[in-house]
Amino acid sequence: MIAAGDPLARDDEGYRTCAHPVGEGVCGRDCDPDPVPTDAGMRIAFTCPVHGVHSVVDPFDGWQ
């Protein structure tokens, strides 16, 4: 849950949910955030406990 007024909040939190195909649907598990330092700055990898990394986001996208 994201607090109201959070400057890092996004309208769509689909990046946090595993979309790996399973049967007729998708996994749907909540992915754990893992900070990942890169040469371009900090990124957050969202990792499904079953299927691995689902997405990587730049929490400061649009602020640079």
PDB file of N, CA and C in Angstrom:
ATOM      1  N   MET A   1       0.837  -1.176   0.000  1.00  0.00           N
ATOM      2  CA  MET A   1       0.000   0.000   0.000  1.00  0.00           C
ATOM      3  C   MET A   1       0.883   1.241   0.000  1.00  0.00           C
ATOM      4  N   ILE A   2       0.557   2.198  -0.830  1.00  0.00           N
ATOM      5  CA  ILE A   2       1.336   3.422  -0.947  1.00  0.00           C
ATOM      6  C   ILE A   2       0.572   4.556  -0.275  1.00  0.00           C
ATOM      7  N   ALA A   3       1.272   5.309   0.559  1.00  0.00           N
ATOM      8  CA  ALA A   3       0.656   6.427   1.267  1.00  0.00           C
ATOM      9  C   ALA A   3       0.295   7.548   0.295  1.00  0.00           C
ATOM     10  N   ALA A   4      -0.799   8.236   0.590  1.00  0.00           N
ATOM     11  CA  ALA A   4      -1.211   9.377  -0.233  1.00  0.00           C
ATOM     12  C   ALA A   4      -0.118  10.442  -0.194  1.00  0.00           C
ATOM     13  N   GLY A   5       0.149  11.042  -1.336  1.00  0.00           N
ATOM     14  CA  GLY A   5       1.164  12.080  -1.410  1.00  0.00           C
ATOM     15  C   GLY A   5       2.585  11.557  -1.548  1.00  0.00           C
ATOM     16  N   ASP A   6       2.752  10.245  -1.682  1.00  0.00           N
ATOM     17  CA  ASP A   6       4.084   9.659  -1.849  1.00  0.00           C
ATOM     18  C   ASP A   6       4.637  10.091  -3.201  1.00  0.00           C
ATOM     19  N   PRO A   7       5.768  10.818  -3.233  1.00  0.00           N
ATOM     20  CA  PRO A   7       6.298  11.300  -4.511  1.00  0.00           C
ATOM     21  C   PRO A   7       6.792  10.187  -5.432  1.00  0.00           C
ATOM     22  N   LEU A   8       7.015   8.993  -4.910  1.00  0.00           N
ATOM     23  CA  LEU A   8       7.475   7.878  -5.751  1.00  0.00           C
ATOM     24  C   LEU A   8       6.335   6.949  -6.141  1.00  0.00           C
ATOM     25  N   ALA A   9       5.102   7.285  -5.765  1.00  0.00           N
ATOM     26  CA  ALA A   9       3.948   6.439  -6.088  1.00  0.00           C
ATOM     27  C   ALA A   9       3.690   6.447  -7.592  1.00  0.00           C
ATOM     28  N   ARG A  10       3.194   5.336  -8.082  1.00  0.00           N
ATOM     29  CA  ARG A  10       2.824   5.218  -9.491  1.00  0.00           C
ATOM     30  C   ARG A  10       1.361   4.813  -9.567  1.00  0.00           C
ATOM     31  N   ASP A  11       0.678   5.243 -10.622  1.00  0.00           N
ATOM     32  CA  ASP A  11      -0.735   4.912 -10.772  1.00  0.00           C
ATOM     33  C   ASP A  11      -0.948   3.424 -10.996  1.00  0.00           C
ATOM     34  N   ASP A  12      -0.047   2.791 -11.731  1.00  0.00           N
ATOM     35  CA  ASP A  12      -0.165   1.370 -12.048  1.00  0.00           C
ATOM     36  C   ASP A  12       0.938   0.607 -11.321  1.00  0.00           C
ATOM     37  N   GLU A  13       0.559  -0.267 -10.406  1.00  0.00           N
ATOM     38  CA  GLU A  13       1.544  -1.053  -9.664  1.00  0.00           C
ATOM     39  C   GLU A  13       1.711  -2.460 -10.242  1.00  0.00           C
ATOM     40  N   GLY A  14       1.355  -2.640 -11.517  1.00  0.00           N
ATOM     41  CA  GLY A  14       1.493  -3.933 -12.165  1.00  0.00           C
ATOM     42  C   GLY A  14       2.924  -4.443 -12.216  1.00  0.00           C
ATOM     43  N   TYR A  15       3.881  -3.521 -12.144  1.00  0.00           N
ATOM     44  CA  TYR A  15       5.287  -3.918 -12.151  1.00  0.00           C
ATOM     45  C   TYR A  15       5.647  -4.739 -10.912  1.00  0.00           C
ATOM     46  N   ARG A  16       4.801  -4.715  -9.881  1.00  0.00           N
ATOM     47  CA  ARG A  16       5.054  -5.455  -8.636  1.00  0.00           C
ATOM     48  C   ARG A  16       4.467  -6.868  -8.656  1.00  0.00           C
ATOM     49  N   THR A  17       3.669  -7.198  -9.667  1.00  0.00           N
ATOM     50  CA  THR A  17       2.962  -8.471  -9.718  1.00  0.00           C
ATOM     51  C   THR A  17       3.514  -9.343 -10.836  1.00  0.00           C
ATOM     52  N   CYS A  18       3.881 -10.583 -10.505  1.00  0.00           N
ATOM     53  CA  CYS A  18       4.465 -11.501 -11.487  1.00  0.00           C
ATOM     54  C   CYS A  18       3.456 -11.841 -12.585  1.00  0.00           C
ATOM     55  N   ALA A  19       3.857 -11.621 -13.826  1.00  0.00           N
ATOM     56  CA  ALA A  19       2.997 -11.900 -14.975  1.00  0.00           C
ATOM     57  C   ALA A  19       3.428 -13.164 -15.721  1.00  0.00           C
ATOM     58  N   HIS A  20       4.251 -14.007 -15.075  1.00  0.00           N
ATOM     59  CA  HIS A  20       4.710 -15.242 -15.714  1.00  0.00           C
ATOM     60  C   HIS A  20       3.507 -16.136 -16.037  1.00  0.00           C
ATOM     61  N   PRO A  21       3.395 -16.612 -17.287  1.00  0.00           N
ATOM     62  CA  PRO A  21       2.259 -17.471 -17.652  1.00  0.00           C
ATOM     63  C   PRO A  21       2.251 -18.775 -16.847  1.00  0.00           C
ATOM     64  N   VAL A  22       1.074 -19.104 -16.313  1.00  0.00           N
ATOM     65  CA  VAL A  22       0.878 -20.359 -15.578  1.00  0.00           C
ATOM     66  C   VAL A  22      -0.471 -20.918 -16.008  1.00  0.00           C
ATOM     67  N   GLY A  23      -0.448 -22.048 -16.698  1.00  0.00           N
ATOM     68  CA  GLY A  23      -1.708 -22.636 -17.167  1.00  0.00           C
ATOM     69  C   GLY A  23      -2.449 -21.667 -18.074  1.00  0.00           C
ATOM     70  N   GLU A  24      -3.703 -21.382 -17.727  1.00  0.00           N
ATOM     71  CA  GLU A  24      -4.542 -20.473 -18.513  1.00  0.00           C
ATOM     72  C   GLU A  24      -4.418 -19.028 -18.054  1.00  0.00           C
ATOM     73  N   GLY A  25      -3.663 -18.764 -16.977  1.00  0.00           N
ATOM     74  CA  GLY A  25      -3.565 -17.402 -16.445  1.00  0.00           C
ATOM     75  C   GLY A  25      -2.125 -16.982 -16.233  1.00  0.00           C
ATOM     76  N   VAL A  26      -1.918 -16.205 -15.197  1.00  0.00           N
ATOM     77  CA  VAL A  26      -0.584 -15.736 -14.840  1.00  0.00           C
ATOM     78  C   VAL A  26      -0.339 -16.024 -13.361  1.00  0.00           C
ATOM     79  N   CYS A  27       0.924 -15.992 -12.958  1.00  0.00           N
ATOM     80  CA  CYS A  27       1.320 -16.285 -11.584  1.00  0.00           C
ATOM     81  C   CYS A  27       0.588 -15.380 -10.588  1.00  0.00           C
ATOM     82  N   GLY A  28       0.741 -14.056 -10.723  1.00  0.00           N
ATOM     83  CA  GLY A  28       0.027 -13.117  -9.878  1.00  0.00           C
ATOM     84  C   GLY A  28       0.621 -12.879  -8.492  1.00  0.00           C
ATOM     85  N   ARG A  29       1.751 -13.526  -8.175  1.00  0.00           N
ATOM     86  CA  ARG A  29       2.369 -13.300  -6.858  1.00  0.00           C
ATOM     87  C   ARG A  29       2.924 -11.888  -6.750  1.00  0.00           C
ATOM     88  N   ASP A  30       2.933 -11.362  -5.518  1.00  0.00           N
ATOM     89  CA  ASP A  30       3.552 -10.076  -5.253  1.00  0.00           C
ATOM     90  C   ASP A  30       5.061 -10.274  -5.291  1.00  0.00           C
ATOM     91  N   CYS A  31       5.752  -9.399  -6.003  1.00  0.00           N
ATOM     92  CA  CYS A  31       7.200  -9.501  -6.141  1.00  0.00           C
ATOM     93  C   CYS A  31       7.906  -8.674  -5.074  1.00  0.00           C
ATOM     94  N   ASP A  32       9.000  -9.209  -4.536  1.00  0.00           N
ATOM     95  CA  ASP A  32       9.787  -8.523  -3.519  1.00  0.00           C
ATOM     96  C   ASP A  32      10.722  -7.513  -4.174  1.00  0.00           C
ATOM     97  N   PRO A  33      10.798  -6.280  -3.618  1.00  0.00           N
ATOM     98  CA  PRO A  33      11.716  -5.280  -4.174  1.00  0.00           C
ATOM     99  C   PRO A  33      13.153  -5.537  -3.726  1.00  0.00           C
ATOM    100  N   ASP A  34      14.077  -5.470  -4.661  1.00  0.00           N
ATOM    101  CA  ASP A  34      15.512  -5.631  -4.380  1.00  0.00           C
ATOM    102  C   ASP A  34      16.253  -4.455  -4.995  1.00  0.00           C
ATOM    103  N   PRO A  35      16.931  -3.625  -4.183  1.00  0.00           N
ATOM    104  CA  PRO A  35      17.706  -2.516  -4.758  1.00  0.00           C
ATOM    105  C   PRO A  35      18.894  -3.033  -5.556  1.00  0.00           C
ATOM    106  N   VAL A  36      19.137  -2.424  -6.716  1.00  0.00           N
ATOM    107  CA  VAL A  36      20.230  -2.839  -7.601  1.00  0.00           C
ATOM    108  C   VAL A  36      21.012  -1.597  -8.040  1.00  0.00           C
ATOM    109  N   PRO A  37      22.225  -1.403  -7.519  1.00  0.00           N
ATOM    110  CA  PRO A  37      23.023  -0.264  -7.994  1.00  0.00           C
ATOM    111  C   PRO A  37      23.550  -0.546  -9.404  1.00  0.00           C
ATOM    112  N   THR A  38      23.496   0.468 -10.267  1.00  0.00           N
ATOM    113  CA  THR A  38      24.010   0.339 -11.631  1.00  0.00           C
ATOM    114  C   THR A  38      24.880   1.557 -11.934  1.00  0.00           C
ATOM    115  N   ASP A  39      25.574   1.540 -13.061  1.00  0.00           N
ATOM    116  CA  ASP A  39      26.368   2.691 -13.478  1.00  0.00           C
ATOM    117  C   ASP A  39      25.488   3.912 -13.732  1.00  0.00           C
ATOM    118  N   ALA A  40      24.217   3.667 -14.080  1.00  0.00           N
ATOM    119  CA  ALA A  40      23.283   4.753 -14.376  1.00  0.00           C
ATOM    120  C   ALA A  40      22.525   5.212 -13.135  1.00  0.00           C
ATOM    121  N   GLY A  41      22.792   4.623 -11.972  1.00  0.00           N
ATOM    122  CA  GLY A  41      22.089   4.976 -10.741  1.00  0.00           C
ATOM    123  C   GLY A  41      21.366   3.775 -10.154  1.00  0.00           C
ATOM    124  N   MET A  42      20.575   4.019  -9.146  1.00  0.00           N
ATOM    125  CA  MET A  42      19.862   2.945  -8.449  1.00  0.00           C
ATOM    126  C   MET A  42      18.638   2.493  -9.249  1.00  0.00           C
ATOM    127  N   ARG A  43      18.403   1.203  -9.275  1.00  0.00           N
ATOM    128  CA  ARG A  43      17.211   0.605  -9.867  1.00  0.00           C
ATOM    129  C   ARG A  43      16.615  -0.332  -8.819  1.00  0.00           C
ATOM    130  N   ILE A  44      15.341  -0.646  -8.962  1.00  0.00           N
ATOM    131  CA  ILE A  44      14.676  -1.598  -8.075  1.00  0.00           C
ATOM    132  C   ILE A  44      14.204  -2.770  -8.931  1.00  0.00           C
ATOM    133  N   ALA A  45      14.702  -3.957  -8.612  1.00  0.00           N
ATOM    134  CA  ALA A  45      14.256  -5.176  -9.293  1.00  0.00           C
ATOM    135  C   ALA A  45      13.143  -5.792  -8.457  1.00  0.00           C
ATOM    136  N   PHE A  46      12.035  -6.152  -9.090  1.00  0.00           N
ATOM    137  CA  PHE A  46      10.943  -6.835  -8.407  1.00  0.00           C
ATOM    138  C   PHE A  46      11.032  -8.312  -8.768  1.00  0.00           C
ATOM    139  N   THR A  47      11.244  -9.140  -7.731  1.00  0.00           N
ATOM    140  CA  THR A  47      11.555 -10.545  -7.922  1.00  0.00           C
ATOM    141  C   THR A  47      10.456 -11.444  -7.377  1.00  0.00           C
ATOM    142  N   CYS A  48       9.914 -12.291  -8.237  1.00  0.00           N
ATOM    143  CA  CYS A  48       8.924 -13.287  -7.829  1.00  0.00           C
ATOM    144  C   CYS A  48       9.663 -14.408  -7.097  1.00  0.00           C
ATOM    145  N   PRO A  49       9.142 -14.878  -5.965  1.00  0.00           N
ATOM    146  CA  PRO A  49       9.823 -15.949  -5.234  1.00  0.00           C
ATOM    147  C   PRO A  49       9.889 -17.270  -6.011  1.00  0.00           C
ATOM    148  N   VAL A  50       9.059 -17.421  -7.037  1.00  0.00           N
ATOM    149  CA  VAL A  50       9.043 -18.651  -7.822  1.00  0.00           C
ATOM    150  C   VAL A  50       9.725 -18.476  -9.182  1.00  0.00           C
ATOM    151  N   HIS A  51       9.478 -17.353  -9.866  1.00  0.00           N
ATOM    152  CA  HIS A  51       9.924 -17.180 -11.241  1.00  0.00           C
ATOM    153  C   HIS A  51      11.103 -16.227 -11.435  1.00  0.00           C
ATOM    154  N   GLY A  52      11.605 -15.623 -10.376  1.00  0.00           N
ATOM    155  CA  GLY A  52      12.757 -14.734 -10.497  1.00  0.00           C
ATOM    156  C   GLY A  52      12.361 -13.307 -10.826  1.00  0.00           C
ATOM    157  N   VAL A  53      13.309 -12.540 -11.384  1.00  0.00           N
ATOM    158  CA  VAL A  53      13.086 -11.120 -11.655  1.00  0.00           C
ATOM    159  C   VAL A  53      11.943 -10.945 -12.647  1.00  0.00           C
ATOM    160  N   HIS A  54      10.993 -10.105 -12.262  1.00  0.00           N
ATOM    161  CA  HIS A  54       9.837  -9.821 -13.111  1.00  0.00           C
ATOM    162  C   HIS A  54      10.010  -8.486 -13.830  1.00  0.00           C
ATOM    163  N   SER A  55      10.461  -7.464 -13.094  1.00  0.00           N
ATOM    164  CA  SER A  55      10.647  -6.153 -13.704  1.00  0.00           C
ATOM    165  C   SER A  55      11.718  -5.373 -12.953  1.00  0.00           C
ATOM    166  N   VAL A  56      12.260  -4.367 -13.632  1.00  0.00           N
ATOM    167  CA  VAL A  56      13.240  -3.473 -13.037  1.00  0.00           C
ATOM    168  C   VAL A  56      12.763  -2.053 -13.323  1.00  0.00           C
ATOM    169  N   VAL A  57      12.673  -1.237 -12.270  1.00  0.00           N
ATOM    170  CA  VAL A  57      12.201   0.131 -12.446  1.00  0.00           C
ATOM    171  C   VAL A  57      13.228   1.125 -11.920  1.00  0.00           C
ATOM    172  N   ASP A  58      13.181   2.318 -12.472  1.00  0.00           N
ATOM    173  CA  ASP A  58      13.994   3.437 -12.009  1.00  0.00           C
ATOM    174  C   ASP A  58      13.080   4.280 -11.121  1.00  0.00           C
ATOM    175  N   PRO A  59      13.286   4.266  -9.793  1.00  0.00           N
ATOM    176  CA  PRO A  59      12.376   4.992  -8.906  1.00  0.00           C
ATOM    177  C   PRO A  59      12.439   6.513  -9.088  1.00  0.00           C
ATOM    178  N   PHE A  60      13.465   6.999  -9.779  1.00  0.00           N
ATOM    179  CA  PHE A  60      13.603   8.438  -9.973  1.00  0.00           C
ATOM    180  C   PHE A  60      13.353   8.852 -11.415  1.00  0.00           C
ATOM    181  N   ASP A  61      12.724   7.980 -12.194  1.00  0.00           N
ATOM    182  CA  ASP A  61      12.401   8.283 -13.576  1.00  0.00           C
ATOM    183  C   ASP A  61      11.555   9.550 -13.634  1.00  0.00           C
ATOM    184  N   GLY A  62      11.959  10.482 -14.461  1.00  0.00           N
ATOM    185  CA  GLY A  62      11.230  11.731 -14.591  1.00  0.00           C
ATOM    186  C   GLY A  62      11.714  12.819 -13.652  1.00  0.00           C
ATOM    187  N   TRP A  63      12.580  12.498 -12.717  1.00  0.00           N
ATOM    188  CA  TRP A  63      13.117  13.473 -11.780  1.00  0.00           C
ATOM    189  C   TRP A  63      14.501  13.951 -12.189  1.00  0.00           C
ATOM    190  N   GLN A  64      15.089  13.325 -13.183  1.00  0.00           N
ATOM    191  CA  GLN A  64      16.489  13.614 -13.524  1.00  0.00           C
ATOM    192  C   GLN A  64      16.593  14.637 -14.620  1.00  0.00           C
TER     193      GLN A  64
END
